[in-house]
Amino acid sequence: MINFDKKVLLKKWVPIIVIIFTVSLALGLLLGISGSQILSAVVISLILITSAILFQKVGRNRFDNQNDKMGLSKCL
């Protein structure tokens, strides 16, 4: 099971989410884009941020040289 540190996630990602929401809303209102399109842009951005969080937490370390029997990690 994946253990998320909620305080770290909040400190790191909430400001980014707020900035994306604010910029999307401001640009949408300035350019005269409809509310549904602005909302869909914000939802897509939130989905991308969520996937970035999951890939960051679940992804393996590429520079981890455990089980490197051929010495390939030294080439990096």
PDB file of N, CA and C in Angstrom:
ATOM      1  N   MET A   1       0.833  -1.179   0.000  1.00  0.00           N
ATOM      2  CA  MET A   1       0.000   0.000   0.000  1.00  0.00           C
ATOM      3  C   MET A   1       0.877   1.241   0.000  1.00  0.00           C
ATOM      4  N   ILE A   2       0.472   2.225  -0.720  1.00  0.00           N
ATOM      5  CA  ILE A   2       1.234   3.464  -0.835  1.00  0.00           C
ATOM      6  C   ILE A   2       0.888   4.363   0.341  1.00  0.00           C
ATOM      7  N   ASN A   3       1.919   4.894   0.987  1.00  0.00           N
ATOM      8  CA  ASN A   3       1.714   5.775   2.124  1.00  0.00           C
ATOM      9  C   ASN A   3       2.011   7.205   1.684  1.00  0.00           C
ATOM     10  N   PHE A   4       0.983   8.040   1.622  1.00  0.00           N
ATOM     11  CA  PHE A   4       1.151   9.430   1.232  1.00  0.00           C
ATOM     12  C   PHE A   4       1.282  10.290   2.480  1.00  0.00           C
ATOM     13  N   ASP A   5       2.251  11.171   2.478  1.00  0.00           N
ATOM     14  CA  ASP A   5       2.375  12.142   3.554  1.00  0.00           C
ATOM     15  C   ASP A   5       1.499  13.333   3.174  1.00  0.00           C
ATOM     16  N   LYS A   6       0.365  13.460   3.841  1.00  0.00           N
ATOM     17  CA  LYS A   6      -0.635  14.443   3.434  1.00  0.00           C
ATOM     18  C   LYS A   6      -0.156  15.877   3.607  1.00  0.00           C
ATOM     19  N   LYS A   7       0.640  16.140   4.626  1.00  0.00           N
ATOM     20  CA  LYS A   7       1.126  17.504   4.828  1.00  0.00           C
ATOM     21  C   LYS A   7       2.063  17.926   3.701  1.00  0.00           C
ATOM     22  N   VAL A   8       2.904  17.014   3.267  1.00  0.00           N
ATOM     23  CA  VAL A   8       3.823  17.331   2.168  1.00  0.00           C
ATOM     24  C   VAL A   8       3.039  17.557   0.885  1.00  0.00           C
ATOM     25  N   LEU A   9       2.041  16.717   0.646  1.00  0.00           N
ATOM     26  CA  LEU A   9       1.224  16.890  -0.551  1.00  0.00           C
ATOM     27  C   LEU A   9       0.491  18.222  -0.533  1.00  0.00           C
ATOM     28  N   LEU A  10      -0.040  18.590   0.625  1.00  0.00           N
ATOM     29  CA  LEU A  10      -0.760  19.856   0.710  1.00  0.00           C
ATOM     30  C   LEU A  10       0.169  21.041   0.510  1.00  0.00           C
ATOM     31  N   LYS A  11       1.331  21.004   1.142  1.00  0.00           N
ATOM     32  CA  LYS A  11       2.268  22.121   1.012  1.00  0.00           C
ATOM     33  C   LYS A  11       2.792  22.253  -0.409  1.00  0.00           C
ATOM     34  N   LYS A  12       2.955  21.142  -1.083  1.00  0.00           N
ATOM     35  CA  LYS A  12       3.569  21.162  -2.409  1.00  0.00           C
ATOM     36  C   LYS A  12       2.563  21.417  -3.528  1.00  0.00           C
ATOM     37  N   TRP A  13       1.405  20.787  -3.467  1.00  0.00           N
ATOM     38  CA  TRP A  13       0.515  20.789  -4.612  1.00  0.00           C
ATOM     39  C   TRP A  13      -0.661  21.746  -4.523  1.00  0.00           C
ATOM     40  N   VAL A  14      -1.107  22.100  -3.330  1.00  0.00           N
ATOM     41  CA  VAL A  14      -2.251  23.008  -3.224  1.00  0.00           C
ATOM     42  C   VAL A  14      -1.946  24.378  -3.822  1.00  0.00           C
ATOM     43  N   PRO A  15      -0.771  24.973  -3.561  1.00  0.00           N
ATOM     44  CA  PRO A  15      -0.495  26.257  -4.223  1.00  0.00           C
ATOM     45  C   PRO A  15      -0.470  26.149  -5.747  1.00  0.00           C
ATOM     46  N   ILE A  16       0.023  25.040  -6.268  1.00  0.00           N
ATOM     47  CA  ILE A  16       0.052  24.851  -7.720  1.00  0.00           C
ATOM     48  C   ILE A  16      -1.365  24.748  -8.267  1.00  0.00           C
ATOM     49  N   ILE A  17      -2.224  24.023  -7.572  1.00  0.00           N
ATOM     50  CA  ILE A  17      -3.615  23.882  -8.005  1.00  0.00           C
ATOM     51  C   ILE A  17      -4.324  25.228  -7.969  1.00  0.00           C
ATOM     52  N   VAL A  18      -4.089  26.009  -6.924  1.00  0.00           N
ATOM     53  CA  VAL A  18      -4.718  27.328  -6.811  1.00  0.00           C
ATOM     54  C   VAL A  18      -4.230  28.252  -7.925  1.00  0.00           C
ATOM     55  N   ILE A  19      -2.942  28.215  -8.223  1.00  0.00           N
ATOM     56  CA  ILE A  19      -2.397  29.060  -9.294  1.00  0.00           C
ATOM     57  C   ILE A  19      -2.994  28.669 -10.643  1.00  0.00           C
ATOM     58  N   ILE A  20      -3.078  27.375 -10.915  1.00  0.00           N
ATOM     59  CA  ILE A  20      -3.655  26.924 -12.188  1.00  0.00           C
ATOM     60  C   ILE A  20      -5.112  27.343 -12.298  1.00  0.00           C
ATOM     61  N   PHE A  21      -5.863  27.182 -11.221  1.00  0.00           N
ATOM     62  CA  PHE A  21      -7.271  27.572 -11.235  1.00  0.00           C
ATOM     63  C   PHE A  21      -7.413  29.067 -11.471  1.00  0.00           C
ATOM     64  N   THR A  22      -6.603  29.876 -10.782  1.00  0.00           N
ATOM     65  CA  THR A  22      -6.689  31.327 -10.907  1.00  0.00           C
ATOM     66  C   THR A  22      -6.300  31.796 -12.306  1.00  0.00           C
ATOM     67  N   VAL A  23      -5.202  31.267 -12.825  1.00  0.00           N
ATOM     68  CA  VAL A  23      -4.754  31.668 -14.165  1.00  0.00           C
ATOM     69  C   VAL A  23      -5.763  31.233 -15.224  1.00  0.00           C
ATOM     70  N   SER A  24      -6.284  30.026 -15.099  1.00  0.00           N
ATOM     71  CA  SER A  24      -7.276  29.548 -16.068  1.00  0.00           C
ATOM     72  C   SER A  24      -8.535  30.400 -16.033  1.00  0.00           C
ATOM     73  N   LEU A  25      -8.967  30.740 -14.852  1.00  0.00           N
ATOM     74  CA  LEU A  25     -10.166  31.557 -14.714  1.00  0.00           C
ATOM     75  C   LEU A  25      -9.939  32.956 -15.269  1.00  0.00           C
ATOM     76  N   ALA A  26      -8.803  33.572 -14.938  1.00  0.00           N
ATOM     77  CA  ALA A  26      -8.519  34.926 -15.413  1.00  0.00           C
ATOM     78  C   ALA A  26      -8.395  34.967 -16.937  1.00  0.00           C
ATOM     79  N   LEU A  27      -7.641  34.029 -17.503  1.00  0.00           N
ATOM     80  CA  LEU A  27      -7.498  34.006 -18.961  1.00  0.00           C
ATOM     81  C   LEU A  27      -8.823  33.703 -19.649  1.00  0.00           C
ATOM     82  N   GLY A  28      -9.588  32.813 -19.067  1.00  0.00           N
ATOM     83  CA  GLY A  28     -10.887  32.496 -19.648  1.00  0.00           C
ATOM     84  C   GLY A  28     -11.826  33.681 -19.654  1.00  0.00           C
ATOM     85  N   LEU A  29     -11.830  34.439 -18.564  1.00  0.00           N
ATOM     86  CA  LEU A  29     -12.695  35.612 -18.506  1.00  0.00           C
ATOM     87  C   LEU A  29     -12.196  36.718 -19.431  1.00  0.00           C
ATOM     88  N   LEU A  30     -10.887  36.896 -19.525  1.00  0.00           N
ATOM     89  CA  LEU A  30     -10.340  37.930 -20.412  1.00  0.00           C
ATOM     90  C   LEU A  30     -10.591  37.611 -21.884  1.00  0.00           C
ATOM     91  N   LEU A  31     -10.504  36.353 -22.234  1.00  0.00           N
ATOM     92  CA  LEU A  31     -10.680  35.960 -23.629  1.00  0.00           C
ATOM     93  C   LEU A  31     -12.135  35.673 -23.990  1.00  0.00           C
ATOM     94  N   GLY A  32     -13.019  35.723 -23.024  1.00  0.00           N
ATOM     95  CA  GLY A  32     -14.436  35.502 -23.291  1.00  0.00           C
ATOM     96  C   GLY A  32     -14.797  34.055 -23.544  1.00  0.00           C
ATOM     97  N   ILE A  33     -14.092  33.147 -22.907  1.00  0.00           N
ATOM     98  CA  ILE A  33     -14.365  31.720 -23.070  1.00  0.00           C
ATOM     99  C   ILE A  33     -15.510  31.333 -22.131  1.00  0.00           C
ATOM    100  N   SER A  34     -16.328  30.402 -22.570  1.00  0.00           N
ATOM    101  CA  SER A  34     -17.480  30.004 -21.763  1.00  0.00           C
ATOM    102  C   SER A  34     -17.042  29.288 -20.483  1.00  0.00           C
ATOM    103  N   GLY A  35     -17.919  29.315 -19.514  1.00  0.00           N
ATOM    104  CA  GLY A  35     -17.623  28.724 -18.210  1.00  0.00           C
ATOM    105  C   GLY A  35     -17.376  27.231 -18.259  1.00  0.00           C
ATOM    106  N   SER A  36     -18.083  26.535 -19.137  1.00  0.00           N
ATOM    107  CA  SER A  36     -17.894  25.084 -19.220  1.00  0.00           C
ATOM    108  C   SER A  36     -16.516  24.735 -19.766  1.00  0.00           C
ATOM    109  N   GLN A  37     -16.014  25.533 -20.703  1.00  0.00           N
ATOM    110  CA  GLN A  37     -14.676  25.284 -21.233  1.00  0.00           C
ATOM    111  C   GLN A  37     -13.604  25.588 -20.192  1.00  0.00           C
ATOM    112  N   ILE A  38     -13.814  26.647 -19.413  1.00  0.00           N
ATOM    113  CA  ILE A  38     -12.869  26.969 -18.336  1.00  0.00           C
ATOM    114  C   ILE A  38     -12.854  25.842 -17.312  1.00  0.00           C
ATOM    115  N   LEU A  39     -14.035  25.370 -16.943  1.00  0.00           N
ATOM    116  CA  LEU A  39     -14.133  24.292 -15.966  1.00  0.00           C
ATOM    117  C   LEU A  39     -13.480  23.012 -16.482  1.00  0.00           C
ATOM    118  N   SER A  40     -13.678  22.710 -17.751  1.00  0.00           N
ATOM    119  CA  SER A  40     -13.057  21.501 -18.292  1.00  0.00           C
ATOM    120  C   SER A  40     -11.537  21.635 -18.333  1.00  0.00           C
ATOM    121  N   ALA A  41     -11.021  22.828 -18.600  1.00  0.00           N
ATOM    122  CA  ALA A  41      -9.568  23.037 -18.582  1.00  0.00           C
ATOM    123  C   ALA A  41      -9.012  22.844 -17.178  1.00  0.00           C
ATOM    124  N   VAL A  42      -9.729  23.329 -16.183  1.00  0.00           N
ATOM    125  CA  VAL A  42      -9.289  23.164 -14.796  1.00  0.00           C
ATOM    126  C   VAL A  42      -9.337  21.693 -14.397  1.00  0.00           C
ATOM    127  N   VAL A  43     -10.380  20.981 -14.793  1.00  0.00           N
ATOM    128  CA  VAL A  43     -10.500  19.557 -14.461  1.00  0.00           C
ATOM    129  C   VAL A  43      -9.382  18.755 -15.115  1.00  0.00           C
ATOM    130  N   ILE A  44      -9.078  19.053 -16.368  1.00  0.00           N
ATOM    131  CA  ILE A  44      -7.985  18.351 -17.043  1.00  0.00           C
ATOM    132  C   ILE A  44      -6.659  18.640 -16.360  1.00  0.00           C
ATOM    133  N   SER A  45      -6.452  19.886 -15.951  1.00  0.00           N
ATOM    134  CA  SER A  45      -5.220  20.228 -15.232  1.00  0.00           C
ATOM    135  C   SER A  45      -5.120  19.470 -13.916  1.00  0.00           C
ATOM    136  N   LEU A  46      -6.225  19.350 -13.201  1.00  0.00           N
ATOM    137  CA  LEU A  46      -6.219  18.611 -11.937  1.00  0.00           C
ATOM    138  C   LEU A  46      -5.936  17.130 -12.165  1.00  0.00           C
ATOM    139  N   ILE A  47      -6.457  16.575 -13.249  1.00  0.00           N
ATOM    140  CA  ILE A  47      -6.175  15.173 -13.565  1.00  0.00           C
ATOM    141  C   ILE A  47      -4.695  14.987 -13.854  1.00  0.00           C
ATOM    142  N   LEU A  48      -4.107  15.906 -14.601  1.00  0.00           N
ATOM    143  CA  LEU A  48      -2.679  15.812 -14.903  1.00  0.00           C
ATOM    144  C   LEU A  48      -1.824  15.956 -13.650  1.00  0.00           C
ATOM    145  N   ILE A  49      -2.211  16.854 -12.756  1.00  0.00           N
ATOM    146  CA  ILE A  49      -1.462  17.022 -11.508  1.00  0.00           C
ATOM    147  C   ILE A  49      -1.577  15.766 -10.656  1.00  0.00           C
ATOM    148  N   THR A  50      -2.775  15.183 -10.586  1.00  0.00           N
ATOM    149  CA  THR A  50      -2.961  13.956  -9.816  1.00  0.00           C
ATOM    150  C   THR A  50      -2.117  12.818 -10.378  1.00  0.00           C
ATOM    151  N   SER A  51      -2.075  12.711 -11.696  1.00  0.00           N
ATOM    152  CA  SER A  51      -1.244  11.656 -12.282  1.00  0.00           C
ATOM    153  C   SER A  51       0.235  11.920 -12.030  1.00  0.00           C
ATOM    154  N   ALA A  52       0.645  13.187 -12.011  1.00  0.00           N
ATOM    155  CA  ALA A  52       2.045  13.505 -11.700  1.00  0.00           C
ATOM    156  C   ALA A  52       2.388  13.109 -10.273  1.00  0.00           C
ATOM    157  N   ILE A  53       1.466  13.347  -9.344  1.00  0.00           N
ATOM    158  CA  ILE A  53       1.692  12.953  -7.946  1.00  0.00           C
ATOM    159  C   ILE A  53       1.831  11.436  -7.850  1.00  0.00           C
ATOM    160  N   LEU A  54       0.938  10.713  -8.521  1.00  0.00           N
ATOM    161  CA  LEU A  54       0.987   9.253  -8.447  1.00  0.00           C
ATOM    162  C   LEU A  54       2.251   8.696  -9.084  1.00  0.00           C
ATOM    163  N   PHE A  55       2.653   9.222 -10.229  1.00  0.00           N
ATOM    164  CA  PHE A  55       3.880   8.746 -10.861  1.00  0.00           C
ATOM    165  C   PHE A  55       5.099   9.067 -10.009  1.00  0.00           C
ATOM    166  N   GLN A  56       5.070  10.205  -9.326  1.00  0.00           N
ATOM    167  CA  GLN A  56       6.192  10.568  -8.467  1.00  0.00           C
ATOM    168  C   GLN A  56       6.288   9.624  -7.273  1.00  0.00           C
ATOM    169  N   LYS A  57       5.156   9.224  -6.727  1.00  0.00           N
ATOM    170  CA  LYS A  57       5.155   8.355  -5.554  1.00  0.00           C
ATOM    171  C   LYS A  57       5.409   6.893  -5.905  1.00  0.00           C
ATOM    172  N   VAL A  58       4.901   6.441  -7.046  1.00  0.00           N
ATOM    173  CA  VAL A  58       4.961   5.030  -7.389  1.00  0.00           C
ATOM    174  C   VAL A  58       6.171   4.705  -8.257  1.00  0.00           C
ATOM    175  N   GLY A  59       6.640   5.675  -9.016  1.00  0.00           N
ATOM    176  CA  GLY A  59       7.717   5.432  -9.970  1.00  0.00           C
ATOM    177  C   GLY A  59       8.992   4.962  -9.305  1.00  0.00           C
ATOM    178  N   ARG A  60       9.748   4.152 -10.037  1.00  0.00           N
ATOM    179  CA  ARG A  60      10.984   3.629  -9.472  1.00  0.00           C
ATOM    180  C   ARG A  60      12.113   4.617  -9.707  1.00  0.00           C
ATOM    181  N   ASN A  61      13.137   4.486  -8.920  1.00  0.00           N
ATOM    182  CA  ASN A  61      14.304   5.339  -9.044  1.00  0.00           C
ATOM    183  C   ASN A  61      15.182   4.801 -10.167  1.00  0.00           C
ATOM    184  N   ARG A  62      15.411   5.573 -11.188  1.00  0.00           N
ATOM    185  CA  ARG A  62      16.199   5.107 -12.327  1.00  0.00           C
ATOM    186  C   ARG A  62      17.675   4.993 -11.992  1.00  0.00           C
ATOM    187  N   PHE A  63      18.106   5.692 -10.970  1.00  0.00           N
ATOM    188  CA  PHE A  63      19.517   5.675 -10.619  1.00  0.00           C
ATOM    189  C   PHE A  63      19.812   4.695  -9.489  1.00  0.00           C
ATOM    190  N   ASP A  64      18.853   3.871  -9.167  1.00  0.00           N
ATOM    191  CA  ASP A  64      19.045   2.853  -8.146  1.00  0.00           C
ATOM    192  C   ASP A  64      19.789   1.683  -8.777  1.00  0.00           C
ATOM    193  N   ASN A  65      20.980   1.392  -8.286  1.00  0.00           N
ATOM    194  CA  ASN A  65      21.805   0.373  -8.934  1.00  0.00           C
ATOM    195  C   ASN A  65      21.712  -0.983  -8.248  1.00  0.00           C
ATOM    196  N   GLN A  66      20.644  -1.231  -7.518  1.00  0.00           N
ATOM    197  CA  GLN A  66      20.454  -2.558  -6.955  1.00  0.00           C
ATOM    198  C   GLN A  66      20.095  -3.518  -8.083  1.00  0.00           C
ATOM    199  N   ASN A  67      20.539  -4.724  -7.965  1.00  0.00           N
ATOM    200  CA  ASN A  67      20.312  -5.776  -8.962  1.00  0.00           C
ATOM    201  C   ASN A  67      20.899  -5.416 -10.325  1.00  0.00           C
ATOM    202  N   ASP A  68      21.949  -4.625 -10.321  1.00  0.00           N
ATOM    203  CA  ASP A  68      22.607  -4.250 -11.569  1.00  0.00           C
ATOM    204  C   ASP A  68      23.826  -5.143 -11.748  1.00  0.00           C
ATOM    205  N   LYS A  69      23.614  -6.304 -12.343  1.00  0.00           N
ATOM    206  CA  LYS A  69      24.693  -7.283 -12.471  1.00  0.00           C
ATOM    207  C   LYS A  69      25.625  -6.970 -13.635  1.00  0.00           C
ATOM    208  N   MET A  70      25.141  -6.207 -14.600  1.00  0.00           N
ATOM    209  CA  MET A  70      25.961  -5.921 -15.771  1.00  0.00           C
ATOM    210  C   MET A  70      26.663  -4.567 -15.681  1.00  0.00           C
ATOM    211  N   GLY A  71      26.386  -3.794 -14.649  1.00  0.00           N
ATOM    212  CA  GLY A  71      27.029  -2.495 -14.501  1.00  0.00           C
ATOM    213  C   GLY A  71      26.459  -1.424 -15.413  1.00  0.00           C
ATOM    214  N   LEU A  72      25.193  -1.570 -15.786  1.00  0.00           N
ATOM    215  CA  LEU A  72      24.589  -0.611 -16.701  1.00  0.00           C
ATOM    216  C   LEU A  72      24.305   0.734 -16.046  1.00  0.00           C
ATOM    217  N   SER A  73      24.139   0.763 -14.723  1.00  0.00           N
ATOM    218  CA  SER A  73      23.838   2.029 -14.064  1.00  0.00           C
ATOM    219  C   SER A  73      25.021   2.982 -14.092  1.00  0.00           C
ATOM    220  N   LYS A  74      26.220   2.465 -14.302  1.00  0.00           N
ATOM    221  CA  LYS A  74      27.395   3.330 -14.379  1.00  0.00           C
ATOM    222  C   LYS A  74      27.424   4.107 -15.685  1.00  0.00           C
ATOM    223  N   CYS A  75      26.699   3.635 -16.672  1.00  0.00           N
ATOM    224  CA  CYS A  75      26.660   4.324 -17.968  1.00  0.00           C
ATOM    225  C   CYS A  75      25.827   5.594 -17.905  1.00  0.00           C
ATOM    226  N   LEU A  76      24.941   5.685 -16.930  1.00  0.00           N
ATOM    227  CA  LEU A  76      24.090   6.860 -16.813  1.00  0.00           C
ATOM    228  C   LEU A  76      24.911   7.974 -16.289  1.00  0.00           C
TER     229      LEU A  76
END
